Amino acid sequence: MIFEPTKFEGLWSDIEQDVVTIRSELNEWATGASDAGDGRWLPITDALPEDHWRGHPALLGPYHFELDGNDPNVVIRFFPDADFSPAAFLHYAEDRIRAAARQGLSSTDWAVLDNVETGAPIPQAIVETRQAIRDAVDQDFAILDASSPSERPDFTPTMVAGAVQAARKRLLAKGSRRAVALPPTPGVDGA
């Protein structure tokens, strides 16, 4: 384990034996644990696995808190399901491709629903846009399949990102009657 102090504090409840609220300099949020009203603010230290890769918090999985056995004035956040194996990075990359595609397609879902519900034709620009995003998904999966396990931690769905960017421009240029700006692509547009 690697023990790394964080910039967070936890409101530790001695009755509940859990952190009930986490805060940083800018935010404060509840953890879902019951607040017995007996809390004290303590610094949080992360207990990270030896094979931890920075920049991939999704692979840490869920966490739980415990008081430090050596210092009862520190809370340790443990990640018992953390997985940084090659298979985990592969699944994570596949999920990122799917999420980017879903987000890119979502802004034109209204046209598909309109077609299903009323029989209204789907504008050709939207048909082409949706197909381009689906084609980009296939391309990104091919790139991912051809990558080595050492390349997967840095994988970004660039083909989908490019298709989504082109879709934004194409829909706005065609003046689609409901052309809305597509949301940012997760992990690509800084989202």
Foldseek 3Di string as FASTA:
>chain_A
DDKAWDQKKFFADPVQQFGQWIDHPPDIDGPPGDDPPRTDIATEIEDDDPPDDPPCVVQLADWTWHQDPVDNRYIYIYRVRRDPDLVSLLVVLLVLLVQLLCLLLVLQVVLVVCCVPPVDDRDPLNVVLNVQLVVLSVVLVVVSVPDDSVCSVVDHSVSNQVSSVVSLVSCVVVPPVRRDRGDHRPPPRPD
